[in-house]
Amino acid sequence: MLASLDKIDVSFLVAVIAGSITVIGWFVTKALERNQKRVEFRRAYIQQQIEQFYGPLYSLIWQLFSNSNLQDRIIRTCRLGSDEQKRVQQYFFETHFFPIHQRIKEILDSKLYLVDGTEMPLSVYEYLTHAQQEDIQRQLWTSHGISTVAVQGTPFPQPFFTTVEETLKKLMREYEISVEQLKSGSSATDKALAKQAEEERKFMRDIASEAR
């Protein structure tokens, strides 16, 4: 009778300990999975920021700089007269600068929620002031023949480009880190499951050995 009770106690103890190991392993695995999901969510958001906001802005601003440099080189080296210079400037504005500014403003209008951080950089407001004033003054001249040269234009804010460039680089570094974290996270989950299974097998072998 006593031997029978001992066998029952041992069986019960085996079941309890084995169950405890399984539960602990389950919690460890779930914790790893939750962390991996957080990394996946952050990686997906960073990808959106790069693809839909900072990447396009960076490219468009560089186009502005490149076109402006070309315009200046043409005017400076081709020895154009005053009227020709004005026609060149008008061409660049209507064909290149204005469409690019429109695309930048569209991105700011529709994707502003992808700005990194909790506050809007001051340079964004400065850029919008620059683009809006330039557009209005050009339209007043080309469409209505009203000269506003007495009103000093707002220059393109260099900090706007600096902010976009630095944030883009930061996000690209974070994206690479998140990719590596996802790789290591998957590996850690697999290792945790393997370790749990091995611990259970070892425990059961030890119990079986002692029972013999």
N, C-alpha and C. Protein backbone atom coordinates (compact mmCIF):
# COMPACT_ATOMS: atom_id res chain seq x y z
N MET A 1 0.84 -1.20 0.00
CA MET A 1 0.00 0.00 0.00
C MET A 1 0.88 1.25 0.00
N LEU A 2 1.93 1.21 0.89
CA LEU A 2 2.84 2.35 0.99
C LEU A 2 3.61 2.54 -0.30
N ALA A 3 4.04 1.42 -0.89
CA ALA A 3 4.77 1.49 -2.16
C ALA A 3 3.88 2.08 -3.25
N SER A 4 2.60 1.72 -3.21
CA SER A 4 1.66 2.24 -4.18
C SER A 4 1.49 3.75 -4.04
N LEU A 5 1.43 4.22 -2.76
CA LEU A 5 1.30 5.66 -2.51
C LEU A 5 2.54 6.40 -2.98
N ASP A 6 3.70 5.78 -2.74
CA ASP A 6 4.95 6.42 -3.18
C ASP A 6 4.96 6.59 -4.69
N LYS A 7 4.47 5.56 -5.40
CA LYS A 7 4.43 5.65 -6.86
C LYS A 7 3.48 6.76 -7.30
N ILE A 8 2.35 6.88 -6.57
CA ILE A 8 1.40 7.94 -6.91
C ILE A 8 2.02 9.30 -6.68
N ASP A 9 2.71 9.43 -5.50
CA ASP A 9 3.35 10.71 -5.18
C ASP A 9 4.41 11.08 -6.21
N VAL A 10 5.20 10.10 -6.62
CA VAL A 10 6.24 10.35 -7.61
C VAL A 10 5.63 10.75 -8.94
N SER A 11 4.57 10.05 -9.33
CA SER A 11 3.92 10.38 -10.60
C SER A 11 3.33 11.79 -10.56
N PHE A 12 2.72 12.11 -9.41
CA PHE A 12 2.14 13.44 -9.26
C PHE A 12 3.21 14.52 -9.31
N LEU A 13 4.34 14.24 -8.61
CA LEU A 13 5.45 15.19 -8.57
C LEU A 13 6.03 15.38 -9.96
N VAL A 14 6.16 14.29 -10.69
CA VAL A 14 6.68 14.36 -12.06
C VAL A 14 5.78 15.24 -12.92
N ALA A 15 4.48 15.03 -12.78
CA ALA A 15 3.53 15.79 -13.59
C ALA A 15 3.58 17.27 -13.24
N VAL A 16 3.67 17.59 -11.93
CA VAL A 16 3.70 18.98 -11.49
C VAL A 16 4.95 19.69 -12.00
N ILE A 17 6.11 19.03 -11.82
CA ILE A 17 7.37 19.66 -12.23
C ILE A 17 7.42 19.80 -13.75
N ALA A 18 7.01 18.77 -14.45
CA ALA A 18 7.00 18.83 -15.91
C ALA A 18 6.08 19.95 -16.39
N GLY A 19 4.92 20.08 -15.73
CA GLY A 19 3.99 21.15 -16.09
C GLY A 19 4.58 22.51 -15.80
N SER A 20 5.32 22.64 -14.70
CA SER A 20 5.94 23.92 -14.35
C SER A 20 6.97 24.33 -15.39
N ILE A 21 7.78 23.34 -15.83
CA ILE A 21 8.78 23.61 -16.85
C ILE A 21 8.11 24.09 -18.13
N THR A 22 7.01 23.44 -18.48
CA THR A 22 6.29 23.82 -19.70
C THR A 22 5.73 25.23 -19.61
N VAL A 23 5.15 25.56 -18.43
CA VAL A 23 4.57 26.89 -18.23
C VAL A 23 5.65 27.96 -18.30
N ILE A 24 6.78 27.72 -17.63
CA ILE A 24 7.87 28.69 -17.65
C ILE A 24 8.37 28.90 -19.08
N GLY A 25 8.54 27.79 -19.79
CA GLY A 25 8.98 27.88 -21.19
C GLY A 25 7.99 28.64 -22.04
N TRP A 26 6.69 28.45 -21.76
CA TRP A 26 5.66 29.15 -22.53
C TRP A 26 5.75 30.66 -22.31
N PHE A 27 5.93 31.07 -21.03
CA PHE A 27 6.04 32.50 -20.74
C PHE A 27 7.27 33.11 -21.40
N VAL A 28 8.39 32.38 -21.36
CA VAL A 28 9.62 32.89 -22.00
C VAL A 28 9.41 33.06 -23.50
N THR A 29 8.80 32.06 -24.11
CA THR A 29 8.55 32.11 -25.55
C THR A 29 7.62 33.25 -25.91
N LYS A 30 6.55 33.44 -25.13
CA LYS A 30 5.60 34.52 -25.41
C LYS A 30 6.26 35.89 -25.25
N ALA A 31 7.14 36.02 -24.25
CA ALA A 31 7.84 37.29 -24.05
C ALA A 31 8.71 37.61 -25.25
N LEU A 32 9.40 36.60 -25.77
CA LEU A 32 10.23 36.79 -26.95
C LEU A 32 9.38 37.15 -28.16
N GLU A 33 8.22 36.50 -28.29
CA GLU A 33 7.34 36.79 -29.43
C GLU A 33 6.78 38.21 -29.36
N ARG A 34 6.43 38.67 -28.14
CA ARG A 34 5.91 40.04 -27.98
C ARG A 34 6.98 41.06 -28.35
N ASN A 35 8.20 40.81 -27.92
CA ASN A 35 9.28 41.72 -28.26
C ASN A 35 9.52 41.75 -29.77
N GLN A 36 9.41 40.58 -30.39
CA GLN A 36 9.61 40.52 -31.84
C GLN A 36 8.52 41.28 -32.58
N LYS A 37 7.29 41.22 -32.08
CA LYS A 37 6.18 41.95 -32.70
C LYS A 37 6.39 43.45 -32.58
N ARG A 38 6.91 43.89 -31.41
CA ARG A 38 7.19 45.31 -31.24
C ARG A 38 8.25 45.78 -32.23
N VAL A 39 9.27 44.96 -32.42
CA VAL A 39 10.33 45.30 -33.38
C VAL A 39 9.77 45.34 -34.80
N GLU A 40 8.91 44.37 -35.12
CA GLU A 40 8.29 44.32 -36.46
C GLU A 40 7.45 45.57 -36.72
N PHE A 41 6.68 45.99 -35.70
CA PHE A 41 5.84 47.18 -35.85
C PHE A 41 6.70 48.42 -36.07
N ARG A 42 7.75 48.56 -35.28
CA ARG A 42 8.64 49.71 -35.42
C ARG A 42 9.33 49.70 -36.79
N ARG A 43 9.76 48.54 -37.23
CA ARG A 43 10.43 48.45 -38.53
C ARG A 43 9.49 48.85 -39.67
N ALA A 44 8.23 48.40 -39.59
CA ALA A 44 7.24 48.74 -40.62
C ALA A 44 6.97 50.24 -40.65
N TYR A 45 6.91 50.87 -39.47
CA TYR A 45 6.66 52.31 -39.41
C TYR A 45 7.84 53.09 -39.96
N ILE A 46 9.05 52.68 -39.61
CA ILE A 46 10.25 53.34 -40.14
C ILE A 46 10.29 53.22 -41.66
N GLN A 47 9.91 52.05 -42.16
CA GLN A 47 9.89 51.85 -43.61
C GLN A 47 8.93 52.84 -44.27
N GLN A 48 7.77 53.05 -43.66
CA GLN A 48 6.83 54.04 -44.17
C GLN A 48 7.44 55.43 -44.18
N GLN A 49 8.10 55.80 -43.09
CA GLN A 49 8.72 57.13 -43.00
C GLN A 49 9.75 57.34 -44.11
N ILE A 50 10.54 56.30 -44.36
CA ILE A 50 11.59 56.41 -45.38
C ILE A 50 10.99 56.46 -46.78
N GLU A 51 10.07 55.53 -47.07
CA GLU A 51 9.54 55.39 -48.43
C GLU A 51 8.57 56.50 -48.82
N GLN A 52 7.77 56.98 -47.86
CA GLN A 52 6.69 57.90 -48.20
C GLN A 52 6.96 59.35 -47.81
N PHE A 53 7.94 59.58 -46.95
CA PHE A 53 8.14 60.95 -46.48
C PHE A 53 9.58 61.43 -46.68
N TYR A 54 10.50 60.95 -45.86
CA TYR A 54 11.86 61.49 -45.88
C TYR A 54 12.63 61.15 -47.14
N GLY A 55 12.45 59.96 -47.68
CA GLY A 55 13.13 59.60 -48.92
C GLY A 55 12.72 60.49 -50.09
N PRO A 56 11.40 60.60 -50.37
CA PRO A 56 10.96 61.49 -51.46
C PRO A 56 11.35 62.96 -51.24
N LEU A 57 11.24 63.46 -50.00
CA LEU A 57 11.62 64.84 -49.73
C LEU A 57 13.10 65.07 -50.02
N TYR A 58 13.91 64.13 -49.60
CA TYR A 58 15.36 64.24 -49.83
C TYR A 58 15.67 64.30 -51.32
N SER A 59 15.04 63.44 -52.09
CA SER A 59 15.26 63.40 -53.54
C SER A 59 14.79 64.70 -54.21
N LEU A 60 13.62 65.17 -53.82
CA LEU A 60 13.07 66.38 -54.44
C LEU A 60 13.91 67.63 -54.11
N ILE A 61 14.37 67.72 -52.88
CA ILE A 61 15.20 68.87 -52.51
C ILE A 61 16.51 68.87 -53.29
N TRP A 62 17.08 67.67 -53.47
CA TRP A 62 18.30 67.58 -54.26
C TRP A 62 18.04 68.01 -55.70
N GLN A 63 16.86 67.71 -56.22
CA GLN A 63 16.53 68.16 -57.57
C GLN A 63 16.46 69.68 -57.64
N LEU A 64 15.90 70.30 -56.59
CA LEU A 64 15.87 71.76 -56.53
C LEU A 64 17.29 72.33 -56.57
N PHE A 65 18.17 71.77 -55.75
CA PHE A 65 19.54 72.25 -55.71
C PHE A 65 20.23 72.07 -57.06
N SER A 66 20.04 70.89 -57.66
CA SER A 66 20.69 70.60 -58.93
C SER A 66 20.19 71.52 -60.04
N ASN A 67 18.89 71.73 -60.10
CA ASN A 67 18.32 72.61 -61.12
C ASN A 67 18.74 74.07 -60.91
N SER A 68 18.79 74.49 -59.65
CA SER A 68 19.22 75.85 -59.36
C SER A 68 20.67 76.07 -59.77
N ASN A 69 21.51 75.07 -59.51
CA ASN A 69 22.91 75.17 -59.90
C ASN A 69 23.05 75.24 -61.43
N LEU A 70 22.26 74.42 -62.14
CA LEU A 70 22.30 74.45 -63.60
C LEU A 70 21.82 75.79 -64.14
N GLN A 71 20.75 76.32 -63.59
CA GLN A 71 20.24 77.62 -64.02
C GLN A 71 21.31 78.70 -63.87
N ASP A 72 21.98 78.71 -62.72
CA ASP A 72 23.02 79.71 -62.47
C ASP A 72 24.18 79.55 -63.45
N ARG A 73 24.55 78.31 -63.73
CA ARG A 73 25.66 78.08 -64.67
C ARG A 73 25.31 78.56 -66.07
N ILE A 74 24.07 78.30 -66.48
CA ILE A 74 23.64 78.74 -67.82
C ILE A 74 23.68 80.26 -67.92
N ILE A 75 23.11 80.94 -66.93
CA ILE A 75 23.07 82.40 -66.94
C ILE A 75 24.48 82.98 -66.86
N ARG A 76 25.32 82.35 -66.04
CA ARG A 76 26.65 82.90 -65.80
C ARG A 76 27.60 82.69 -66.98
N THR A 77 27.51 81.55 -67.64
CA THR A 77 28.50 81.19 -68.66
C THR A 77 28.05 81.48 -70.10
N CYS A 78 26.75 81.64 -70.31
CA CYS A 78 26.27 81.81 -71.70
C CYS A 78 26.17 83.27 -72.12
N ARG A 79 26.53 84.19 -71.22
CA ARG A 79 26.51 85.61 -71.55
C ARG A 79 25.16 86.06 -72.13
N LEU A 80 24.13 85.72 -71.42
CA LEU A 80 22.78 86.04 -71.88
C LEU A 80 22.42 87.48 -71.55
N GLY A 81 21.59 88.05 -72.40
CA GLY A 81 21.09 89.39 -72.13
C GLY A 81 20.05 89.35 -71.02
N SER A 82 19.62 90.52 -70.59
CA SER A 82 18.67 90.62 -69.48
C SER A 82 17.36 89.90 -69.78
N ASP A 83 16.83 90.10 -70.99
CA ASP A 83 15.56 89.44 -71.35
C ASP A 83 15.73 87.92 -71.43
N GLU A 84 16.87 87.50 -71.97
CA GLU A 84 17.12 86.05 -72.08
C GLU A 84 17.25 85.42 -70.69
N GLN A 85 17.90 86.11 -69.80
CA GLN A 85 18.04 85.60 -68.44
C GLN A 85 16.67 85.42 -67.78
N LYS A 86 15.80 86.40 -68.01
CA LYS A 86 14.45 86.32 -67.44
C LYS A 86 13.69 85.13 -68.03
N ARG A 87 13.87 84.89 -69.34
CA ARG A 87 13.18 83.76 -69.97
C ARG A 87 13.72 82.42 -69.43
N VAL A 88 15.03 82.37 -69.22
CA VAL A 88 15.62 81.15 -68.64
C VAL A 88 15.06 80.92 -67.24
N GLN A 89 15.02 81.96 -66.44
CA GLN A 89 14.49 81.83 -65.08
C GLN A 89 13.02 81.43 -65.08
N GLN A 90 12.27 82.02 -66.02
CA GLN A 90 10.86 81.67 -66.13
C GLN A 90 10.69 80.21 -66.53
N TYR A 91 11.54 79.77 -67.46
CA TYR A 91 11.48 78.37 -67.90
C TYR A 91 11.76 77.42 -66.74
N PHE A 92 12.81 77.69 -65.99
CA PHE A 92 13.17 76.81 -64.88
C PHE A 92 12.08 76.81 -63.81
N PHE A 93 11.49 77.99 -63.57
CA PHE A 93 10.46 78.04 -62.54
C PHE A 93 9.23 77.22 -62.94
N GLU A 94 8.75 77.46 -64.16
CA GLU A 94 7.51 76.79 -64.59
C GLU A 94 7.71 75.31 -64.85
N THR A 95 8.88 74.93 -65.39
CA THR A 95 9.10 73.54 -65.79
C THR A 95 9.69 72.67 -64.68
N HIS A 96 10.47 73.28 -63.81
CA HIS A 96 11.18 72.48 -62.80
C HIS A 96 10.84 72.89 -61.35
N PHE A 97 11.13 74.14 -61.00
CA PHE A 97 10.97 74.53 -59.60
C PHE A 97 9.53 74.42 -59.10
N PHE A 98 8.61 75.00 -59.85
CA PHE A 98 7.21 74.98 -59.41
C PHE A 98 6.66 73.56 -59.25
N PRO A 99 6.83 72.65 -60.25
CA PRO A 99 6.33 71.28 -60.08
C PRO A 99 6.97 70.56 -58.89
N ILE A 100 8.26 70.80 -58.66
CA ILE A 100 8.92 70.13 -57.53
C ILE A 100 8.37 70.66 -56.21
N HIS A 101 8.21 71.97 -56.13
CA HIS A 101 7.62 72.55 -54.92
C HIS A 101 6.21 72.00 -54.67
N GLN A 102 5.46 71.83 -55.74
CA GLN A 102 4.11 71.28 -55.59
C GLN A 102 4.15 69.87 -55.02
N ARG A 103 5.08 69.07 -55.51
CA ARG A 103 5.21 67.70 -55.01
C ARG A 103 5.64 67.67 -53.54
N ILE A 104 6.55 68.57 -53.18
CA ILE A 104 6.98 68.65 -51.78
C ILE A 104 5.79 69.03 -50.88
N LYS A 105 5.03 70.02 -51.32
CA LYS A 105 3.88 70.45 -50.51
C LYS A 105 2.81 69.36 -50.42
N GLU A 106 2.64 68.59 -51.48
CA GLU A 106 1.69 67.47 -51.44
C GLU A 106 2.11 66.44 -50.39
N ILE A 107 3.40 66.16 -50.33
CA ILE A 107 3.91 65.21 -49.33
C ILE A 107 3.68 65.75 -47.92
N LEU A 108 3.97 67.04 -47.73
CA LEU A 108 3.77 67.65 -46.42
C LEU A 108 2.28 67.68 -46.05
N ASP A 109 1.43 67.89 -47.05
CA ASP A 109 -0.02 67.93 -46.79
C ASP A 109 -0.58 66.57 -46.40
N SER A 110 -0.11 65.52 -47.09
CA SER A 110 -0.75 64.20 -46.93
C SER A 110 0.01 63.24 -46.01
N LYS A 111 1.30 63.48 -45.77
CA LYS A 111 2.11 62.52 -45.00
C LYS A 111 2.75 63.13 -43.76
N LEU A 112 2.19 64.23 -43.30
CA LEU A 112 2.81 64.94 -42.18
C LEU A 112 2.83 64.08 -40.90
N TYR A 113 1.94 63.11 -40.82
CA TYR A 113 1.90 62.24 -39.64
C TYR A 113 3.15 61.35 -39.54
N LEU A 114 3.93 61.30 -40.62
CA LEU A 114 5.15 60.49 -40.61
C LEU A 114 6.37 61.27 -40.14
N VAL A 115 6.17 62.53 -39.73
CA VAL A 115 7.28 63.31 -39.19
C VAL A 115 7.84 62.58 -37.96
N ASP A 116 9.16 62.48 -37.90
CA ASP A 116 9.80 61.79 -36.79
C ASP A 116 9.81 62.70 -35.56
N GLY A 117 9.30 62.21 -34.46
CA GLY A 117 9.25 63.01 -33.23
C GLY A 117 7.84 63.52 -32.98
N THR A 118 7.73 64.30 -31.92
CA THR A 118 6.41 64.78 -31.50
C THR A 118 6.16 66.24 -31.87
N GLU A 119 7.19 66.94 -32.34
CA GLU A 119 7.03 68.34 -32.69
C GLU A 119 7.42 68.59 -34.14
N MET A 120 6.72 69.53 -34.78
CA MET A 120 7.02 69.90 -36.15
C MET A 120 8.28 70.76 -36.17
N PRO A 121 9.29 70.37 -36.97
CA PRO A 121 10.49 71.21 -37.07
C PRO A 121 10.15 72.60 -37.61
N LEU A 122 10.79 73.61 -37.06
CA LEU A 122 10.56 74.99 -37.51
C LEU A 122 10.88 75.14 -38.99
N SER A 123 11.86 74.38 -39.47
CA SER A 123 12.27 74.51 -40.87
C SER A 123 11.16 74.14 -41.85
N VAL A 124 10.20 73.31 -41.42
CA VAL A 124 9.07 72.97 -42.29
C VAL A 124 8.21 74.20 -42.54
N TYR A 125 7.93 74.96 -41.49
CA TYR A 125 7.16 76.20 -41.64
C TYR A 125 7.93 77.21 -42.50
N GLU A 126 9.22 77.27 -42.29
CA GLU A 126 10.05 78.20 -43.07
C GLU A 126 10.04 77.83 -44.55
N TYR A 127 10.09 76.52 -44.82
CA TYR A 127 10.05 76.10 -46.23
C TYR A 127 8.70 76.47 -46.85
N LEU A 128 7.60 76.19 -46.16
CA LEU A 128 6.28 76.49 -46.70
C LEU A 128 6.12 77.98 -46.97
N THR A 129 6.68 78.81 -46.09
CA THR A 129 6.63 80.26 -46.30
C THR A 129 7.40 80.63 -47.56
N HIS A 130 8.58 80.05 -47.72
CA HIS A 130 9.40 80.30 -48.91
C HIS A 130 8.66 79.91 -50.19
N ALA A 131 8.15 78.69 -50.24
CA ALA A 131 7.50 78.18 -51.46
C ALA A 131 6.23 78.96 -51.79
N GLN A 132 5.45 79.26 -50.76
CA GLN A 132 4.19 79.97 -50.99
C GLN A 132 4.43 81.39 -51.49
N GLN A 133 5.38 82.07 -50.86
CA GLN A 133 5.65 83.46 -51.29
C GLN A 133 6.18 83.49 -52.72
N GLU A 134 7.09 82.56 -53.03
CA GLU A 134 7.65 82.52 -54.37
C GLU A 134 6.57 82.26 -55.41
N ASP A 135 5.68 81.35 -55.12
CA ASP A 135 4.60 81.02 -56.04
C ASP A 135 3.67 82.20 -56.26
N ILE A 136 3.28 82.86 -55.17
CA ILE A 136 2.34 83.99 -55.28
C ILE A 136 2.96 85.15 -56.06
N GLN A 137 4.21 85.47 -55.76
CA GLN A 137 4.84 86.60 -56.44
C GLN A 137 5.04 86.30 -57.94
N ARG A 138 5.38 85.07 -58.26
CA ARG A 138 5.54 84.70 -59.67
C ARG A 138 4.20 84.76 -60.41
N GLN A 139 3.16 84.27 -59.76
CA GLN A 139 1.84 84.27 -60.38
C GLN A 139 1.32 85.69 -60.58
N LEU A 140 1.59 86.54 -59.63
CA LEU A 140 1.17 87.94 -59.78
C LEU A 140 1.83 88.58 -61.00
N TRP A 141 3.09 88.24 -61.26
CA TRP A 141 3.79 88.82 -62.38
C TRP A 141 3.38 88.17 -63.71
N THR A 142 3.38 86.84 -63.75
CA THR A 142 3.10 86.16 -65.02
C THR A 142 1.64 86.23 -65.42
N SER A 143 0.73 86.18 -64.46
CA SER A 143 -0.70 86.17 -64.79
C SER A 143 -1.33 87.55 -64.79
N HIS A 144 -0.78 88.48 -64.00
CA HIS A 144 -1.43 89.78 -63.87
C HIS A 144 -0.50 90.95 -64.19
N GLY A 145 0.77 90.65 -64.47
CA GLY A 145 1.70 91.71 -64.82
C GLY A 145 2.01 92.65 -63.68
N ILE A 146 1.83 92.20 -62.44
CA ILE A 146 2.09 93.03 -61.26
C ILE A 146 3.46 92.68 -60.69
N SER A 147 4.34 93.66 -60.68
CA SER A 147 5.69 93.44 -60.15
C SER A 147 5.71 93.62 -58.63
N THR A 148 6.30 92.64 -57.95
CA THR A 148 6.43 92.73 -56.48
C THR A 148 7.89 92.64 -56.06
N VAL A 149 8.78 93.12 -56.94
CA VAL A 149 10.22 93.02 -56.65
C VAL A 149 10.59 93.80 -55.39
N ALA A 150 9.77 94.75 -55.01
CA ALA A 150 10.06 95.53 -53.80
C ALA A 150 9.90 94.69 -52.54
N VAL A 151 9.16 93.59 -52.66
CA VAL A 151 8.97 92.69 -51.52
C VAL A 151 10.07 91.63 -51.56
N GLN A 152 10.93 91.67 -50.57
CA GLN A 152 12.05 90.72 -50.54
C GLN A 152 11.55 89.29 -50.37
N GLY A 153 12.09 88.40 -51.22
CA GLY A 153 11.69 87.01 -51.14
C GLY A 153 12.26 86.30 -49.92
N THR A 154 11.56 85.29 -49.46
CA THR A 154 12.04 84.47 -48.34
C THR A 154 12.94 83.38 -48.90
N PRO A 155 14.21 83.33 -48.52
CA PRO A 155 15.13 82.35 -49.10
C PRO A 155 14.78 80.92 -48.69
N PHE A 156 15.25 79.98 -49.51
CA PHE A 156 15.05 78.57 -49.17
C PHE A 156 15.78 78.27 -47.86
N PRO A 157 15.10 77.68 -46.87
CA PRO A 157 15.73 77.43 -45.57
C PRO A 157 16.65 76.20 -45.61
N GLN A 158 17.95 76.42 -45.50
CA GLN A 158 18.90 75.31 -45.50
C GLN A 158 18.62 74.30 -44.38
N PRO A 159 18.18 74.75 -43.19
CA PRO A 159 17.88 73.77 -42.13
C PRO A 159 16.81 72.75 -42.53
N PHE A 160 15.94 73.10 -43.48
CA PHE A 160 14.93 72.15 -43.94
C PHE A 160 15.60 70.94 -44.57
N PHE A 161 16.55 71.19 -45.45
CA PHE A 161 17.27 70.08 -46.07
C PHE A 161 18.10 69.33 -45.03
N THR A 162 18.76 70.06 -44.15
CA THR A 162 19.59 69.42 -43.12
C THR A 162 18.76 68.50 -42.24
N THR A 163 17.57 68.97 -41.85
CA THR A 163 16.68 68.15 -41.01
C THR A 163 16.25 66.88 -41.74
N VAL A 164 15.86 67.04 -43.00
CA VAL A 164 15.43 65.88 -43.79
C VAL A 164 16.57 64.89 -43.97
N GLU A 165 17.75 65.39 -44.29
CA GLU A 165 18.91 64.52 -44.53
C GLU A 165 19.31 63.77 -43.26
N GLU A 166 19.43 64.49 -42.15
CA GLU A 166 19.86 63.85 -40.90
C GLU A 166 18.83 62.85 -40.39
N THR A 167 17.55 63.19 -40.52
CA THR A 167 16.50 62.26 -40.06
C THR A 167 16.46 61.02 -40.94
N LEU A 168 16.63 61.21 -42.24
CA LEU A 168 16.65 60.06 -43.15
C LEU A 168 17.79 59.11 -42.81
N LYS A 169 18.96 59.65 -42.56
CA LYS A 169 20.11 58.81 -42.19
C LYS A 169 19.86 58.08 -40.89
N LYS A 170 19.27 58.78 -39.90
CA LYS A 170 18.97 58.16 -38.61
C LYS A 170 17.97 57.02 -38.77
N LEU A 171 16.92 57.25 -39.56
CA LEU A 171 15.90 56.22 -39.77
C LEU A 171 16.46 55.02 -40.52
N MET A 172 17.35 55.25 -41.47
CA MET A 172 17.95 54.14 -42.20
C MET A 172 18.81 53.29 -41.28
N ARG A 173 19.53 53.95 -40.34
CA ARG A 173 20.31 53.19 -39.36
C ARG A 173 19.38 52.38 -38.46
N GLU A 174 18.30 53.00 -38.00
CA GLU A 174 17.34 52.29 -37.15
C GLU A 174 16.71 51.12 -37.89
N TYR A 175 16.43 51.32 -39.16
CA TYR A 175 15.83 50.25 -39.96
C TYR A 175 16.78 49.05 -40.03
N GLU A 176 18.05 49.30 -40.29
CA GLU A 176 19.03 48.21 -40.35
C GLU A 176 19.12 47.49 -39.01
N ILE A 177 19.11 48.26 -37.92
CA ILE A 177 19.16 47.65 -36.59
C ILE A 177 17.94 46.78 -36.34
N SER A 178 16.76 47.26 -36.74
CA SER A 178 15.53 46.49 -36.52
C SER A 178 15.54 45.20 -37.33
N VAL A 179 16.10 45.24 -38.53
CA VAL A 179 16.21 44.03 -39.34
C VAL A 179 17.08 43.00 -38.63
N GLU A 180 18.20 43.46 -38.08
CA GLU A 180 19.10 42.55 -37.34
C GLU A 180 18.42 42.02 -36.09
N GLN A 181 17.63 42.88 -35.43
CA GLN A 181 16.91 42.44 -34.23
C GLN A 181 15.88 41.37 -34.56
N LEU A 182 15.22 41.52 -35.70
CA LEU A 182 14.24 40.51 -36.12
C LEU A 182 14.93 39.18 -36.40
N LYS A 183 16.08 39.26 -37.03
CA LYS A 183 16.83 38.03 -37.30
C LYS A 183 17.24 37.34 -36.00
N SER A 184 17.82 38.12 -35.08
CA SER A 184 18.25 37.55 -33.81
C SER A 184 17.07 37.13 -32.95
N GLY A 185 15.93 37.88 -33.09
CA GLY A 185 14.73 37.53 -32.32
C GLY A 185 14.18 36.18 -32.73
N SER A 186 14.13 35.90 -34.02
CA SER A 186 13.66 34.60 -34.51
C SER A 186 14.57 33.51 -34.01
N SER A 187 15.86 33.79 -34.03
CA SER A 187 16.84 32.81 -33.56
C SER A 187 16.67 32.55 -32.07
N ALA A 188 16.42 33.64 -31.30
CA ALA A 188 16.25 33.50 -29.85
C ALA A 188 15.02 32.68 -29.51
N THR A 189 13.93 32.89 -30.26
CA THR A 189 12.71 32.11 -30.03
C THR A 189 12.94 30.63 -30.31
N ASP A 190 13.61 30.33 -31.40
CA ASP A 190 13.92 28.94 -31.74
C ASP A 190 14.80 28.31 -30.66
N LYS A 191 15.78 29.08 -30.18
CA LYS A 191 16.67 28.56 -29.14
C LYS A 191 15.92 28.30 -27.84
N ALA A 192 14.98 29.21 -27.50
CA ALA A 192 14.20 29.04 -26.27
C ALA A 192 13.34 27.79 -26.33
N LEU A 193 12.71 27.55 -27.49
CA LEU A 193 11.89 26.35 -27.65
C LEU A 193 12.74 25.09 -27.58
N ALA A 194 13.88 25.14 -28.22
CA ALA A 194 14.78 23.97 -28.20
C ALA A 194 15.28 23.70 -26.79
N LYS A 195 15.62 24.78 -26.06
CA LYS A 195 16.10 24.62 -24.69
C LYS A 195 15.01 24.05 -23.79
N GLN A 196 13.78 24.54 -23.98
CA GLN A 196 12.67 24.03 -23.18
C GLN A 196 12.45 22.55 -23.44
N ALA A 197 12.46 22.15 -24.69
CA ALA A 197 12.26 20.73 -25.03
C ALA A 197 13.37 19.86 -24.47
N GLU A 198 14.60 20.36 -24.53
CA GLU A 198 15.73 19.58 -24.01
C GLU A 198 15.65 19.45 -22.50
N GLU A 199 15.24 20.54 -21.80
CA GLU A 199 15.10 20.47 -20.34
C GLU A 199 14.04 19.46 -19.94
N GLU A 200 12.94 19.43 -20.67
CA GLU A 200 11.88 18.46 -20.37
C GLU A 200 12.36 17.04 -20.60
N ARG A 201 13.07 16.82 -21.71
CA ARG A 201 13.58 15.46 -21.98
C ARG A 201 14.57 15.03 -20.91
N LYS A 202 15.46 15.94 -20.50
CA LYS A 202 16.45 15.61 -19.48
C LYS A 202 15.78 15.31 -18.15
N PHE A 203 14.78 16.13 -17.80
CA PHE A 203 14.08 15.91 -16.54
C PHE A 203 13.40 14.54 -16.52
N MET A 204 12.75 14.19 -17.62
CA MET A 204 12.05 12.92 -17.68
C MET A 204 13.03 11.75 -17.65
N ARG A 205 14.19 11.92 -18.26
CA ARG A 205 15.21 10.86 -18.21
C ARG A 205 15.72 10.67 -16.80
N ASP A 206 15.92 11.78 -16.08
CA ASP A 206 16.40 11.70 -14.70
C ASP A 206 15.38 11.00 -13.80
N ILE A 207 14.12 11.36 -13.96
CA ILE A 207 13.06 10.75 -13.15
C ILE A 207 12.99 9.23 -13.45
N ALA A 208 13.05 8.90 -14.73
CA ALA A 208 12.99 7.48 -15.09
C ALA A 208 14.16 6.71 -14.53
N SER A 209 15.32 7.34 -14.52
CA SER A 209 16.52 6.68 -13.99
C SER A 209 16.39 6.46 -12.50
N GLU A 210 15.89 7.46 -11.77
CA GLU A 210 15.72 7.33 -10.32
C GLU A 210 14.65 6.27 -9.97
N ALA A 211 13.62 6.21 -10.81
CA ALA A 211 12.54 5.24 -10.55
C ALA A 211 13.05 3.81 -10.66
N ARG A 212 14.02 3.61 -11.57
CA ARG A 212 14.57 2.26 -11.72
C ARG A 212 15.44 1.92 -10.53
